[in-house]
Amino acid sequence: MANTRKNKDYNPNNCPVTHCLNRIGGKWKPLIIYGVSKKCNRFSMLQKALPVISKQMLVNQLRELEEDKILERIIYAEIPPRVEYKVTPYGQSLLPVIDVLQDWGLKDMKKKAKSK
């Protein structure tokens, strides 16, 4: 039985922000995209980088990102088989967005640290 995302195409007002969040919203997708872009490109590496994500959630998020053509899954014909992920050219168009989120987060964390 295939999992279907409830909100993937739900955008009653045709809002571009809603469209973007339908693709990369949530707790994990921006972190996964960022990790893969920084050569954290294997399942086990992503699990170590995101220790609180469940195995099933990581599998689901990777599948959705692959389905949306943001990540590409590469299977190497080796024994044992090796699978790596890479950010597609389409997915790379999201990296500046993720960079802005990172910059904002760093500034806000510094501000919060100063106010303590």
Protein backbone atom coordinates (compact mmCIF):
# COMPACT_ATOMS: atom_id res chain seq x y z
CA MET A 1 0.00 0.00 0.00
CA ALA A 2 1.53 3.29 -1.08
CA ASN A 3 1.56 6.19 1.33
CA THR A 4 -0.07 9.29 -0.07
CA ARG A 5 0.67 12.70 1.29
CA LYS A 6 -2.39 14.55 2.45
CA ASN A 7 -1.16 18.02 1.63
CA LYS A 8 1.14 17.57 -1.38
CA ASP A 9 -1.19 19.33 -3.80
CA TYR A 10 -3.54 21.06 -1.35
CA ASN A 11 -3.35 24.75 -2.18
CA PRO A 12 -6.87 26.22 -2.43
CA ASN A 13 -5.67 29.83 -2.82
CA ASN A 14 -2.88 28.96 -5.27
CA CYS A 15 -0.34 30.43 -2.82
CA PRO A 16 3.35 30.10 -3.76
CA VAL A 17 4.43 29.82 -0.09
CA THR A 18 1.95 26.97 0.47
CA HIS A 19 3.26 25.31 -2.70
CA CYS A 20 6.84 25.50 -1.42
CA LEU A 21 5.92 24.21 2.04
CA ASN A 22 3.99 21.33 0.47
CA ARG A 23 7.28 20.24 -1.11
CA ILE A 24 9.85 20.94 1.61
CA GLY A 25 7.86 21.82 4.72
CA GLY A 26 8.04 20.00 7.99
CA LYS A 27 10.73 19.23 10.48
CA TRP A 28 13.00 17.01 8.40
CA LYS A 29 13.05 17.80 4.68
CA PRO A 30 15.14 20.99 4.83
CA LEU A 31 17.63 19.21 7.10
CA ILE A 32 17.83 16.20 4.79
CA ILE A 33 18.33 18.38 1.70
CA TYR A 34 21.00 20.39 3.52
CA GLY A 35 22.74 17.22 4.74
CA VAL A 36 22.80 15.62 1.29
CA SER A 37 24.12 18.87 -0.22
CA LYS A 38 27.00 18.73 2.32
CA LYS A 39 27.97 15.17 1.32
CA CYS A 40 25.98 13.48 4.09
CA ASN A 41 24.56 11.39 1.28
CA ARG A 42 24.01 7.88 2.61
CA PHE A 43 21.16 6.59 4.72
CA SER A 44 23.40 5.68 7.68
CA MET A 45 25.12 9.08 7.55
CA LEU A 46 21.77 10.86 7.60
CA GLN A 47 20.65 8.73 10.56
CA LYS A 48 23.78 9.76 12.48
CA ALA A 49 23.34 13.42 11.54
CA LEU A 50 19.66 13.35 12.60
CA PRO A 51 19.67 10.96 15.57
CA VAL A 52 16.11 11.73 16.69
CA ILE A 53 14.47 10.89 13.33
CA SER A 54 12.97 7.42 13.18
CA LYS A 55 14.15 5.05 10.48
CA GLN A 56 10.68 4.92 8.92
CA MET A 57 10.33 8.71 8.91
CA LEU A 58 13.72 9.06 7.19
CA VAL A 59 12.70 6.46 4.59
CA ASN A 60 9.40 8.28 3.96
CA GLN A 61 11.00 11.72 3.70
CA LEU A 62 13.70 10.46 1.31
CA ARG A 63 11.05 8.80 -0.87
CA GLU A 64 8.97 11.98 -1.01
CA LEU A 65 12.00 14.11 -1.86
CA GLU A 66 12.91 11.62 -4.58
CA GLU A 67 9.32 11.56 -5.88
CA ASP A 68 9.36 15.37 -6.06
CA LYS A 69 12.66 15.24 -8.02
CA ILE A 70 14.51 17.16 -5.29
CA LEU A 71 16.84 14.25 -4.50
CA GLU A 72 18.13 11.52 -6.77
CA ARG A 73 18.78 8.01 -5.47
CA ILE A 74 21.83 6.35 -6.97
CA ILE A 75 22.27 2.59 -6.61
CA TYR A 76 25.79 1.27 -7.18
CA ALA A 77 26.15 -2.27 -8.54
CA GLU A 78 28.46 -3.48 -5.80
CA ILE A 79 28.45 -6.24 -3.24
CA PRO A 80 27.08 -5.23 -0.80
CA PRO A 81 24.90 -2.75 -2.70
CA ARG A 82 25.57 0.91 -1.98
CA VAL A 83 22.94 3.64 -2.23
CA GLU A 84 23.70 7.34 -2.22
CA TYR A 85 21.55 10.43 -2.58
CA LYS A 86 22.35 13.60 -4.42
CA VAL A 87 20.56 16.89 -4.79
CA THR A 88 19.16 17.24 -8.31
CA PRO A 89 19.58 20.47 -10.27
CA TYR A 90 15.92 21.20 -9.42
CA GLY A 91 16.68 20.54 -5.74
CA GLN A 92 19.74 22.79 -5.90
CA SER A 93 17.39 25.69 -6.64
CA LEU A 94 16.19 25.25 -3.01
CA LEU A 95 19.66 25.60 -1.46
CA PRO A 96 19.56 29.44 -1.36
CA VAL A 97 16.22 29.17 0.50
CA ILE A 98 17.76 26.78 3.03
CA ASP A 99 20.80 29.08 3.37
CA VAL A 100 18.49 31.99 4.26
CA LEU A 101 16.75 29.81 6.87
CA GLN A 102 20.15 28.92 8.32
CA ASP A 103 21.27 32.57 8.43
CA TRP A 104 18.04 33.64 10.13
CA GLY A 105 18.36 30.80 12.66
CA LEU A 106 21.96 31.73 13.51
CA LYS A 107 21.04 35.40 14.05
CA ASP A 108 18.01 34.50 16.15
CA MET A 109 20.02 32.02 18.27
CA LYS A 110 22.66 34.73 18.95
CA LYS A 111 19.96 37.21 19.86
CA LYS A 112 18.34 34.74 22.24
CA ALA A 113 21.71 33.87 23.81
CA LYS A 114 22.45 37.58 24.45
CA SER A 115 19.07 38.12 26.10
CA LYS A 116 19.66 35.39 28.71
